[in-house]
Amino acid sequence: YFFEDDTKLKYKPYIVTILGITYLLLFLYEFKQ
């Protein structure tokens, strides 16, 4: 989303990126704990 030229999408890239990071952190937490 950050590479698109659409200026209307102000919050969407951040929410989706945070969702991805959350799933990766959940994977690491469950793998370790």
Full PDB file with SEQRES, HELIX, SHEET, SSBOND, CRYST1, ORIGX, SCALE, CONECT and MASTER records, all heavy atoms in Angstrom:
SEQRES   1 A   33  TYR PHE PHE GLU ASP ASP THR LYS LEU LYS TYR LYS PRO          
SEQRES   2 A   33  TYR ILE VAL THR ILE LEU GLY ILE THR TYR LEU LEU LEU          
SEQRES   3 A   33  PHE LEU TYR GLU PHE LYS GLN                                  
HELIX    1 AA1 LYS A   12  LYS A   32  1                                  21    
CRYST1    1.000    1.000    1.000  90.00  90.00  90.00 P 1           1          
ORIGX1      1.000000  0.000000  0.000000        0.00000                         
ORIGX2      0.000000  1.000000  0.000000        0.00000                         
ORIGX3      0.000000  0.000000  1.000000        0.00000                         
SCALE1      1.000000  0.000000  0.000000        0.00000                         
SCALE2      0.000000  1.000000  0.000000        0.00000                         
SCALE3      0.000000  0.000000  1.000000        0.00000                         
ATOM      1  N   TYR A   1       0.822  -1.218   0.000  1.00  0.00           N  
ATOM      2  CA  TYR A   1       0.000   0.000   0.000  1.00  0.00           C  
ATOM      3  C   TYR A   1       0.856   1.269   0.000  1.00  0.00           C  
ATOM      4  O   TYR A   1       0.441   2.304  -0.501  1.00  0.00           O  
ATOM      5  CB  TYR A   1      -0.938   0.037   1.207  1.00  0.00           C  
ATOM      6  CG  TYR A   1      -2.163  -0.834   1.089  1.00  0.00           C  
ATOM      7  CD1 TYR A   1      -2.599  -1.578   2.171  1.00  0.00           C  
ATOM      8  CD2 TYR A   1      -2.902  -0.903  -0.086  1.00  0.00           C  
ATOM      9  CE1 TYR A   1      -3.727  -2.371   2.087  1.00  0.00           C  
ATOM     10  CE2 TYR A   1      -4.027  -1.692  -0.185  1.00  0.00           C  
ATOM     11  CZ  TYR A   1      -4.439  -2.427   0.903  1.00  0.00           C  
ATOM     12  OH  TYR A   1      -5.555  -3.208   0.820  1.00  0.00           O  
ATOM     13  N   PHE A   2       2.021   1.209   0.582  1.00  0.00           N  
ATOM     14  CA  PHE A   2       2.884   2.387   0.643  1.00  0.00           C  
ATOM     15  C   PHE A   2       3.436   2.776  -0.731  1.00  0.00           C  
ATOM     16  O   PHE A   2       3.861   3.901  -0.924  1.00  0.00           O  
ATOM     17  CB  PHE A   2       4.044   2.165   1.625  1.00  0.00           C  
ATOM     18  CG  PHE A   2       3.614   2.177   3.056  1.00  0.00           C  
ATOM     19  CD1 PHE A   2       3.588   1.003   3.798  1.00  0.00           C  
ATOM     20  CD2 PHE A   2       3.232   3.355   3.676  1.00  0.00           C  
ATOM     21  CE1 PHE A   2       3.199   1.004   5.124  1.00  0.00           C  
ATOM     22  CE2 PHE A   2       2.830   3.367   5.008  1.00  0.00           C  
ATOM     23  CZ  PHE A   2       2.816   2.197   5.728  1.00  0.00           C  
ATOM     24  N   PHE A   3       3.433   1.845  -1.689  1.00  0.00           N  
ATOM     25  CA  PHE A   3       3.955   2.118  -3.012  1.00  0.00           C  
ATOM     26  C   PHE A   3       2.883   2.593  -3.990  1.00  0.00           C  
ATOM     27  O   PHE A   3       3.189   2.891  -5.134  1.00  0.00           O  
ATOM     28  CB  PHE A   3       4.668   0.881  -3.571  1.00  0.00           C  
ATOM     29  CG  PHE A   3       5.890   0.516  -2.779  1.00  0.00           C  
ATOM     30  CD1 PHE A   3       5.901  -0.620  -1.978  1.00  0.00           C  
ATOM     31  CD2 PHE A   3       7.025   1.306  -2.826  1.00  0.00           C  
ATOM     32  CE1 PHE A   3       7.016  -0.958  -1.246  1.00  0.00           C  
ATOM     33  CE2 PHE A   3       8.143   0.970  -2.093  1.00  0.00           C  
ATOM     34  CZ  PHE A   3       8.137  -0.160  -1.296  1.00  0.00           C  
ATOM     35  N   GLU A   4       1.635   2.677  -3.532  1.00  0.00           N  
ATOM     36  CA  GLU A   4       0.560   3.184  -4.386  1.00  0.00           C  
ATOM     37  C   GLU A   4       0.550   4.704  -4.349  1.00  0.00           C  
ATOM     38  O   GLU A   4       0.956   5.322  -3.369  1.00  0.00           O  
ATOM     39  CB  GLU A   4      -0.793   2.647  -3.918  1.00  0.00           C  
ATOM     40  CG  GLU A   4      -0.962   1.163  -4.147  1.00  0.00           C  
ATOM     41  CD  GLU A   4      -2.328   0.662  -3.716  1.00  0.00           C  
ATOM     42  OE1 GLU A   4      -3.146   1.462  -3.240  1.00  0.00           O  
ATOM     43  OE2 GLU A   4      -2.561  -0.542  -3.858  1.00  0.00           O  
ATOM     44  N   ASP A   5       0.051   5.304  -5.401  1.00  0.00           N  
ATOM     45  CA  ASP A   5       0.001   6.761  -5.486  1.00  0.00           C  
ATOM     46  C   ASP A   5      -1.310   7.335  -4.967  1.00  0.00           C  
ATOM     47  O   ASP A   5      -1.516   8.542  -5.024  1.00  0.00           O  
ATOM     48  CB  ASP A   5       0.206   7.206  -6.943  1.00  0.00           C  
ATOM     49  CG  ASP A   5       1.615   6.917  -7.427  1.00  0.00           C  
ATOM     50  OD1 ASP A   5       2.522   6.882  -6.569  1.00  0.00           O  
ATOM     51  OD2 ASP A   5       1.804   6.727  -8.638  1.00  0.00           O  
ATOM     52  N   ASP A   6      -2.183   6.509  -4.448  1.00  0.00           N  
ATOM     53  CA  ASP A   6      -3.489   6.971  -3.969  1.00  0.00           C  
ATOM     54  C   ASP A   6      -3.313   7.712  -2.647  1.00  0.00           C  
ATOM     55  O   ASP A   6      -2.860   7.158  -1.656  1.00  0.00           O  
ATOM     56  CB  ASP A   6      -4.425   5.779  -3.792  1.00  0.00           C  
ATOM     57  CG  ASP A   6      -5.870   6.199  -3.609  1.00  0.00           C  
ATOM     58  OD1 ASP A   6      -6.158   7.401  -3.711  1.00  0.00           O  
ATOM     59  OD2 ASP A   6      -6.700   5.306  -3.381  1.00  0.00           O  
ATOM     60  N   THR A   7      -3.674   8.974  -2.619  1.00  0.00           N  
ATOM     61  CA  THR A   7      -3.507   9.784  -1.401  1.00  0.00           C  
ATOM     62  C   THR A   7      -4.682   9.641  -0.444  1.00  0.00           C  
ATOM     63  O   THR A   7      -4.630  10.136   0.668  1.00  0.00           O  
ATOM     64  CB  THR A   7      -3.337  11.273  -1.764  1.00  0.00           C  
ATOM     65  OG1 THR A   7      -4.473  11.685  -2.526  1.00  0.00           O  
ATOM     66  CG2 THR A   7      -2.063  11.495  -2.547  1.00  0.00           C  
ATOM     67  N   LYS A   8      -5.758   8.966  -0.871  1.00  0.00           N  
ATOM     68  CA  LYS A   8      -6.918   8.772   0.002  1.00  0.00           C  
ATOM     69  C   LYS A   8      -6.631   7.763   1.118  1.00  0.00           C  
ATOM     70  O   LYS A   8      -7.233   7.813   2.163  1.00  0.00           O  
ATOM     71  CB  LYS A   8      -8.120   8.281  -0.801  1.00  0.00           C  
ATOM     72  CG  LYS A   8      -8.640   9.270  -1.804  1.00  0.00           C  
ATOM     73  CD  LYS A   8      -9.782   8.653  -2.582  1.00  0.00           C  
ATOM     74  CE  LYS A   8     -10.205   9.550  -3.726  1.00  0.00           C  
ATOM     75  NZ  LYS A   8     -11.232   8.912  -4.554  1.00  0.00           N  
ATOM     76  N   LEU A   9      -5.723   6.848   0.858  1.00  0.00           N  
ATOM     77  CA  LEU A   9      -5.430   5.786   1.822  1.00  0.00           C  
ATOM     78  C   LEU A   9      -4.404   6.272   2.841  1.00  0.00           C  
ATOM     79  O   LEU A   9      -3.215   6.018   2.714  1.00  0.00           O  
ATOM     80  CB  LEU A   9      -4.908   4.544   1.094  1.00  0.00           C  
ATOM     81  CG  LEU A   9      -5.807   3.942   0.020  1.00  0.00           C  
ATOM     82  CD1 LEU A   9      -5.092   2.821  -0.697  1.00  0.00           C  
ATOM     83  CD2 LEU A   9      -7.083   3.429   0.648  1.00  0.00           C  
ATOM     84  N   LYS A  10      -4.863   6.928   3.871  1.00  0.00           N  
ATOM     85  CA  LYS A  10      -3.927   7.453   4.863  1.00  0.00           C  
ATOM     86  C   LYS A  10      -3.689   6.485   6.009  1.00  0.00           C  
ATOM     87  O   LYS A  10      -2.592   6.374   6.507  1.00  0.00           O  
ATOM     88  CB  LYS A  10      -4.442   8.784   5.399  1.00  0.00           C  
ATOM     89  CG  LYS A  10      -4.454   9.866   4.353  1.00  0.00           C  
ATOM     90  CD  LYS A  10      -4.884  11.172   4.927  1.00  0.00           C  
ATOM     91  CE  LYS A  10      -4.863  12.229   3.836  1.00  0.00           C  
ATOM     92  NZ  LYS A  10      -5.259  13.524   4.292  1.00  0.00           N  
ATOM     93  N   TYR A  11      -4.729   5.800   6.459  1.00  0.00           N  
ATOM     94  CA  TYR A  11      -4.604   4.941   7.629  1.00  0.00           C  
ATOM     95  C   TYR A  11      -4.534   3.458   7.271  1.00  0.00           C  
ATOM     96  O   TYR A  11      -4.024   2.658   8.029  1.00  0.00           O  
ATOM     97  CB  TYR A  11      -5.784   5.170   8.580  1.00  0.00           C  
ATOM     98  CG  TYR A  11      -7.118   4.821   7.979  1.00  0.00           C  
ATOM     99  CD1 TYR A  11      -7.623   3.534   8.096  1.00  0.00           C  
ATOM    100  CD2 TYR A  11      -7.862   5.744   7.274  1.00  0.00           C  
ATOM    101  CE1 TYR A  11      -8.826   3.183   7.540  1.00  0.00           C  
ATOM    102  CE2 TYR A  11      -9.075   5.417   6.708  1.00  0.00           C  
ATOM    103  CZ  TYR A  11      -9.557   4.123   6.852  1.00  0.00           C  
ATOM    104  OH  TYR A  11     -10.749   3.788   6.298  1.00  0.00           O  
ATOM    105  N   LYS A  12      -5.044   3.070   6.122  1.00  0.00           N  
ATOM    106  CA  LYS A  12      -5.132   1.667   5.730  1.00  0.00           C  
ATOM    107  C   LYS A  12      -3.776   0.956   5.700  1.00  0.00           C  
ATOM    108  O   LYS A  12      -3.658  -0.158   6.234  1.00  0.00           O  
ATOM    109  CB  LYS A  12      -5.834   1.561   4.376  1.00  0.00           C  
ATOM    110  CG  LYS A  12      -6.279   0.171   4.033  1.00  0.00           C  
ATOM    111  CD  LYS A  12      -7.105   0.197   2.755  1.00  0.00           C  
ATOM    112  CE  LYS A  12      -7.673  -1.162   2.453  1.00  0.00           C  
ATOM    113  NZ  LYS A  12      -8.503  -1.133   1.244  1.00  0.00           N  
ATOM    114  N   PRO A  13      -2.727   1.533   5.125  1.00  0.00           N  
ATOM    115  CA  PRO A  13      -1.440   0.816   5.111  1.00  0.00           C  
ATOM    116  C   PRO A  13      -0.897   0.540   6.507  1.00  0.00           C  
ATOM    117  O   PRO A  13      -0.327  -0.512   6.763  1.00  0.00           O  
ATOM    118  CB  PRO A  13      -0.499   1.764   4.361  1.00  0.00           C  
ATOM    119  CG  PRO A  13      -1.352   2.744   3.676  1.00  0.00           C  
ATOM    120  CD  PRO A  13      -2.657   2.777   4.387  1.00  0.00           C  
ATOM    121  N   TYR A  14      -1.119   1.472   7.417  1.00  0.00           N  
ATOM    122  CA  TYR A  14      -0.610   1.299   8.780  1.00  0.00           C  
ATOM    123  C   TYR A  14      -1.370   0.200   9.516  1.00  0.00           C  
ATOM    124  O   TYR A  14      -0.759  -0.620  10.218  1.00  0.00           O  
ATOM    125  CB  TYR A  14      -0.690   2.618   9.554  1.00  0.00           C  
ATOM    126  CG  TYR A  14       0.137   3.709   8.924  1.00  0.00           C  
ATOM    127  CD1 TYR A  14      -0.451   4.738   8.201  1.00  0.00           C  
ATOM    128  CD2 TYR A  14       1.525   3.695   9.027  1.00  0.00           C  
ATOM    129  CE1 TYR A  14       0.305   5.737   7.617  1.00  0.00           C  
ATOM    130  CE2 TYR A  14       2.299   4.671   8.450  1.00  0.00           C  
ATOM    131  CZ  TYR A  14       1.694   5.691   7.735  1.00  0.00           C  
ATOM    132  OH  TYR A  14       2.455   6.661   7.159  1.00  0.00           O  
ATOM    133  N   ILE A  15      -2.681   0.167   9.361  1.00  0.00           N  
ATOM    134  CA  ILE A  15      -3.490  -0.853  10.042  1.00  0.00           C  
ATOM    135  C   ILE A  15      -3.137  -2.247   9.532  1.00  0.00           C  
ATOM    136  O   ILE A  15      -2.937  -3.181  10.325  1.00  0.00           O  
ATOM    137  CB  ILE A  15      -4.998  -0.555   9.854  1.00  0.00           C  
ATOM    138  CG1 ILE A  15      -5.366   0.693  10.635  1.00  0.00           C  
ATOM    139  CG2 ILE A  15      -5.841  -1.743  10.302  1.00  0.00           C  
ATOM    140  CD1 ILE A  15      -6.783   1.159  10.439  1.00  0.00           C  
ATOM    141  N   VAL A  16      -3.026  -2.402   8.227  1.00  0.00           N  
ATOM    142  CA  VAL A  16      -2.713  -3.716   7.646  1.00  0.00           C  
ATOM    143  C   VAL A  16      -1.298  -4.144   8.021  1.00  0.00           C  
ATOM    144  O   VAL A  16      -1.056  -5.313   8.340  1.00  0.00           O  
ATOM    145  CB  VAL A  16      -2.925  -3.688   6.118  1.00  0.00           C  
ATOM    146  CG1 VAL A  16      -2.482  -4.987   5.475  1.00  0.00           C  
ATOM    147  CG2 VAL A  16      -4.386  -3.412   5.796  1.00  0.00           C  
ATOM    148  N   THR A  17      -0.354  -3.222   8.030  1.00  0.00           N  
ATOM    149  CA  THR A  17       1.025  -3.534   8.417  1.00  0.00           C  
ATOM    150  C   THR A  17       1.086  -3.940   9.886  1.00  0.00           C  
ATOM    151  O   THR A  17       1.763  -4.914  10.241  1.00  0.00           O  
ATOM    152  CB  THR A  17       1.944  -2.328   8.142  1.00  0.00           C  
ATOM    153  OG1 THR A  17       1.845  -1.973   6.765  1.00  0.00           O  
ATOM    154  CG2 THR A  17       3.388  -2.661   8.478  1.00  0.00           C  
ATOM    155  N   ILE A  18       0.380  -3.230  10.736  1.00  0.00           N  
ATOM    156  CA  ILE A  18       0.342  -3.581  12.167  1.00  0.00           C  
ATOM    157  C   ILE A  18      -0.299  -4.945  12.366  1.00  0.00           C  
ATOM    158  O   ILE A  18       0.160  -5.735  13.214  1.00  0.00           O  
ATOM    159  CB  ILE A  18      -0.380  -2.482  12.971  1.00  0.00           C  
ATOM    160  CG1 ILE A  18       0.500  -1.232  13.028  1.00  0.00           C  
ATOM    161  CG2 ILE A  18      -0.737  -2.958  14.372  1.00  0.00           C  
ATOM    162  CD1 ILE A  18      -0.179  -0.009  13.601  1.00  0.00           C  
ATOM    163  N   LEU A  19      -1.328  -5.266  11.584  1.00  0.00           N  
ATOM    164  CA  LEU A  19      -1.952  -6.586  11.654  1.00  0.00           C  
ATOM    165  C   LEU A  19      -0.946  -7.679  11.295  1.00  0.00           C  
ATOM    166  O   LEU A  19      -0.861  -8.710  11.976  1.00  0.00           O  
ATOM    167  CB  LEU A  19      -3.166  -6.639  10.724  1.00  0.00           C  
ATOM    168  CG  LEU A  19      -3.984  -7.915  10.732  1.00  0.00           C  
ATOM    169  CD1 LEU A  19      -4.613  -8.140  12.098  1.00  0.00           C  
ATOM    170  CD2 LEU A  19      -5.050  -7.855   9.660  1.00  0.00           C  
ATOM    171  N   GLY A  20      -0.165  -7.458  10.251  1.00  0.00           N  
ATOM    172  CA  GLY A  20       0.859  -8.423   9.858  1.00  0.00           C  
ATOM    173  C   GLY A  20       1.916  -8.600  10.930  1.00  0.00           C  
ATOM    174  O   GLY A  20       2.325  -9.721  11.242  1.00  0.00           O  
ATOM    175  N   ILE A  21       2.364  -7.505  11.515  1.00  0.00           N  
ATOM    176  CA  ILE A  21       3.367  -7.569  12.583  1.00  0.00           C  
ATOM    177  C   ILE A  21       2.799  -8.300  13.800  1.00  0.00           C  
ATOM    178  O   ILE A  21       3.498  -9.090  14.440  1.00  0.00           O  
ATOM    179  CB  ILE A  21       3.860  -6.152  12.942  1.00  0.00           C  
ATOM    180  CG1 ILE A  21       4.688  -5.580  11.784  1.00  0.00           C  
ATOM    181  CG2 ILE A  21       4.673  -6.159  14.227  1.00  0.00           C  
ATOM    182  CD1 ILE A  21       5.020  -4.109  11.918  1.00  0.00           C  
ATOM    183  N   THR A  22       1.517  -8.075  14.087  1.00  0.00           N  
ATOM    184  CA  THR A  22       0.870  -8.744  15.218  1.00  0.00           C  
ATOM    185  C   THR A  22       0.842 -10.254  15.016  1.00  0.00           C  
ATOM    186  O   THR A  22       1.148 -11.015  15.940  1.00  0.00           O  
ATOM    187  CB  THR A  22      -0.560  -8.203  15.414  1.00  0.00           C  
ATOM    188  OG1 THR A  22      -0.506  -6.797  15.615  1.00  0.00           O  
ATOM    189  CG2 THR A  22      -1.231  -8.861  16.598  1.00  0.00           C  
ATOM    190  N   TYR A  23       0.492 -10.708  13.815  1.00  0.00           N  
ATOM    191  CA  TYR A  23       0.506 -12.148  13.537  1.00  0.00           C  
ATOM    192  C   TYR A  23       1.914 -12.734  13.641  1.00  0.00           C  
ATOM    193  O   TYR A  23       2.091 -13.847  14.148  1.00  0.00           O  
ATOM    194  CB  TYR A  23      -0.074 -12.444  12.147  1.00  0.00           C  
ATOM    195  CG  TYR A  23      -1.564 -12.667  12.153  1.00  0.00           C  
ATOM    196  CD1 TYR A  23      -2.418 -11.732  11.601  1.00  0.00           C  
ATOM    197  CD2 TYR A  23      -2.121 -13.818  12.696  1.00  0.00           C  
ATOM    198  CE1 TYR A  23      -3.782 -11.929  11.602  1.00  0.00           C  
ATOM    199  CE2 TYR A  23      -3.481 -14.031  12.695  1.00  0.00           C  
ATOM    200  CZ  TYR A  23      -4.311 -13.082  12.150  1.00  0.00           C  
ATOM    201  OH  TYR A  23      -5.665 -13.275  12.149  1.00  0.00           O  
ATOM    202  N   LEU A  24       2.912 -12.003  13.171  1.00  0.00           N  
ATOM    203  CA  LEU A  24       4.288 -12.494  13.282  1.00  0.00           C  
ATOM    204  C   LEU A  24       4.734 -12.576  14.742  1.00  0.00           C  
ATOM    205  O   LEU A  24       5.396 -13.539  15.152  1.00  0.00           O  
ATOM    206  CB  LEU A  24       5.241 -11.604  12.483  1.00  0.00           C  
ATOM    207  CG  LEU A  24       5.105 -11.691  10.968  1.00  0.00           C  
ATOM    208  CD1 LEU A  24       6.013 -10.674  10.290  1.00  0.00           C  
ATOM    209  CD2 LEU A  24       5.416 -13.096  10.475  1.00  0.00           C  
ATOM    210  N   LEU A  25       4.363 -11.580  15.543  1.00  0.00           N  
ATOM    211  CA  LEU A  25       4.696 -11.613  16.968  1.00  0.00           C  
ATOM    212  C   LEU A  25       3.968 -12.745  17.672  1.00  0.00           C  
ATOM    213  O   LEU A  25       4.527 -13.403  18.560  1.00  0.00           O  
ATOM    214  CB  LEU A  25       4.369 -10.269  17.624  1.00  0.00           C  
ATOM    215  CG  LEU A  25       5.261  -9.103  17.219  1.00  0.00           C  
ATOM    216  CD1 LEU A  25       4.745  -7.796  17.828  1.00  0.00           C  
ATOM    217  CD2 LEU A  25       6.701  -9.358  17.623  1.00  0.00           C  
ATOM    218  N   LEU A  26       2.711 -13.000  17.285  1.00  0.00           N  
ATOM    219  CA  LEU A  26       1.962 -14.116  17.852  1.00  0.00           C  
ATOM    220  C   LEU A  26       2.635 -15.442  17.516  1.00  0.00           C  
ATOM    221  O   LEU A  26       2.756 -16.323  18.370  1.00  0.00           O  
ATOM    222  CB  LEU A  26       0.525 -14.089  17.326  1.00  0.00           C  
ATOM    223  CG  LEU A  26      -0.431 -15.120  17.889  1.00  0.00           C  
ATOM    224  CD1 LEU A  26      -0.612 -14.926  19.394  1.00  0.00           C  
ATOM    225  CD2 LEU A  26      -1.774 -15.023  17.189  1.00  0.00           C  
ATOM    226  N   PHE A  27       3.098 -15.582  16.268  1.00  0.00           N  
ATOM    227  CA  PHE A  27       3.831 -16.784  15.882  1.00  0.00           C  
ATOM    228  C   PHE A  27       5.067 -16.971  16.759  1.00  0.00           C  
ATOM    229  O   PHE A  27       5.311 -18.051  17.293  1.00  0.00           O  
ATOM    230  CB  PHE A  27       4.245 -16.721  14.410  1.00  0.00           C  
ATOM    231  CG  PHE A  27       5.301 -17.720  14.037  1.00  0.00           C  
ATOM    232  CD1 PHE A  27       4.985 -19.052  13.871  1.00  0.00           C  
ATOM    233  CD2 PHE A  27       6.631 -17.327  13.883  1.00  0.00           C  
ATOM    234  CE1 PHE A  27       5.961 -19.981  13.541  1.00  0.00           C  
ATOM    235  CE2 PHE A  27       7.610 -18.238  13.557  1.00  0.00           C  
ATOM    236  CZ  PHE A  27       7.274 -19.574  13.387  1.00  0.00           C  
ATOM    237  N   LEU A  28       5.865 -15.913  16.915  1.00  0.00           N  
ATOM    238  CA  LEU A  28       7.085 -16.016  17.721  1.00  0.00           C  
ATOM    239  C   LEU A  28       6.781 -16.333  19.178  1.00  0.00           C  
ATOM    240  O   LEU A  28       7.462 -17.151  19.801  1.00  0.00           O  
ATOM    241  CB  LEU A  28       7.894 -14.715  17.617  1.00  0.00           C  
ATOM    242  CG  LEU A  28       8.537 -14.446  16.266  1.00  0.00           C  
ATOM    243  CD1 LEU A  28       9.151 -13.045  16.237  1.00  0.00           C  
ATOM    244  CD2 LEU A  28       9.579 -15.500  15.953  1.00  0.00           C  
ATOM    245  N   TYR A  29       5.765 -15.688  19.735  1.00  0.00           N  
ATOM    246  CA  TYR A  29       5.393 -15.925  21.134  1.00  0.00           C  
ATOM    247  C   TYR A  29       4.954 -17.370  21.343  1.00  0.00           C  
ATOM    248  O   TYR A  29       5.412 -18.041  22.272  1.00  0.00           O  
ATOM    249  CB  TYR A  29       4.276 -14.965  21.558  1.00  0.00           C  
ATOM    250  CG  TYR A  29       3.800 -15.196  22.969  1.00  0.00           C  
ATOM    251  CD1 TYR A  29       4.531 -14.707  24.049  1.00  0.00           C  
ATOM    252  CD2 TYR A  29       2.646 -15.911  23.223  1.00  0.00           C  
ATOM    253  CE1 TYR A  29       4.119 -14.926  25.353  1.00  0.00           C  
ATOM    254  CE2 TYR A  29       2.227 -16.137  24.528  1.00  0.00           C  
ATOM    255  CZ  TYR A  29       2.958 -15.642  25.581  1.00  0.00           C  
ATOM    256  OH  TYR A  29       2.542 -15.876  26.866  1.00  0.00           O  
ATOM    257  N   GLU A  30       4.065 -17.870  20.480  1.00  0.00           N  
ATOM    258  CA  GLU A  30       3.566 -19.238  20.635  1.00  0.00           C  
ATOM    259  C   GLU A  30       4.650 -20.276  20.340  1.00  0.00           C  
ATOM    260  O   GLU A  30       4.643 -21.356  20.931  1.00  0.00           O  
ATOM    261  CB  GLU A  30       2.347 -19.466  19.746  1.00  0.00           C  
ATOM    262  CG  GLU A  30       1.132 -18.715  20.241  1.00  0.00           C  
ATOM    263  CD  GLU A  30      -0.100 -18.918  19.376  1.00  0.00           C  
ATOM    264  OE1 GLU A  30       0.013 -19.499  18.268  1.00  0.00           O  
ATOM    265  OE2 GLU A  30      -1.168 -18.475  19.811  1.00  0.00           O  
ATOM    266  N   PHE A  31       5.571 -19.962  19.453  1.00  0.00           N  
ATOM    267  CA  PHE A  31       6.664 -20.896  19.161  1.00  0.00           C  
ATOM    268  C   PHE A  31       7.602 -20.999  20.350  1.00  0.00           C  
ATOM    269  O   PHE A  31       8.052 -22.077  20.714  1.00  0.00           O  
ATOM    270  CB  PHE A  31       7.423 -20.432  17.916  1.00  0.00           C  
ATOM    271  CG  PHE A  31       8.537 -21.352  17.523  1.00  0.00           C  
ATOM    272  CD1 PHE A  31       8.265 -22.543  16.881  1.00  0.00           C  
ATOM    273  CD2 PHE A  31       9.852 -21.024  17.795  1.00  0.00           C  
ATOM    274  CE1 PHE A  31       9.282 -23.403  16.513  1.00  0.00           C  
ATOM    275  CE2 PHE A  31      10.885 -21.868  17.436  1.00  0.00           C  
ATOM    276  CZ  PHE A  31      10.595 -23.074  16.795  1.00  0.00           C  
ATOM    277  N   LYS A  32       7.884 -19.875  20.982  1.00  0.00           N  
ATOM    278  CA  LYS A  32       8.830 -19.850  22.098  1.00  0.00           C  
ATOM    279  C   LYS A  32       8.195 -20.305  23.412  1.00  0.00           C  
ATOM    280  O   LYS A  32       8.787 -21.072  24.161  1.00  0.00           O  
ATOM    281  CB  LYS A  32       9.397 -18.450  22.259  1.00  0.00           C  
ATOM    282  CG  LYS A  32      10.445 -18.325  23.344  1.00  0.00           C  
ATOM    283  CD  LYS A  32      11.201 -17.047  23.225  1.00  0.00           C  
ATOM    284  CE  LYS A  32      12.145 -16.777  24.341  1.00  0.00           C  
ATOM    285  NZ  LYS A  32      12.936 -17.852  24.817  1.00  0.00           N  
ATOM    286  N   GLN A  33       6.989 -19.842  23.706  1.00  0.00           N  
ATOM    287  CA  GLN A  33       6.377 -20.096  25.013  1.00  0.00           C  
ATOM    288  C   GLN A  33       5.674 -21.442  25.122  1.00  0.00           C  
ATOM    289  O   GLN A  33       5.387 -21.876  26.219  1.00  0.00           O  
ATOM    290  CB  GLN A  33       5.375 -18.985  25.361  1.00  0.00           C  
ATOM    291  CG  GLN A  33       6.021 -17.702  25.752  1.00  0.00           C  
ATOM    292  CD  GLN A  33       6.849 -17.836  27.007  1.00  0.00           C  
ATOM    293  OE1 GLN A  33       6.462 -18.515  27.950  1.00  0.00           O  
ATOM    294  NE2 GLN A  33       7.996 -17.198  27.024  1.00  0.00           N  
TER     295      GLN A  33                                                      
MASTER        0    0    0    1    0    0    0    6  294    1    0    3          
END                                                                             
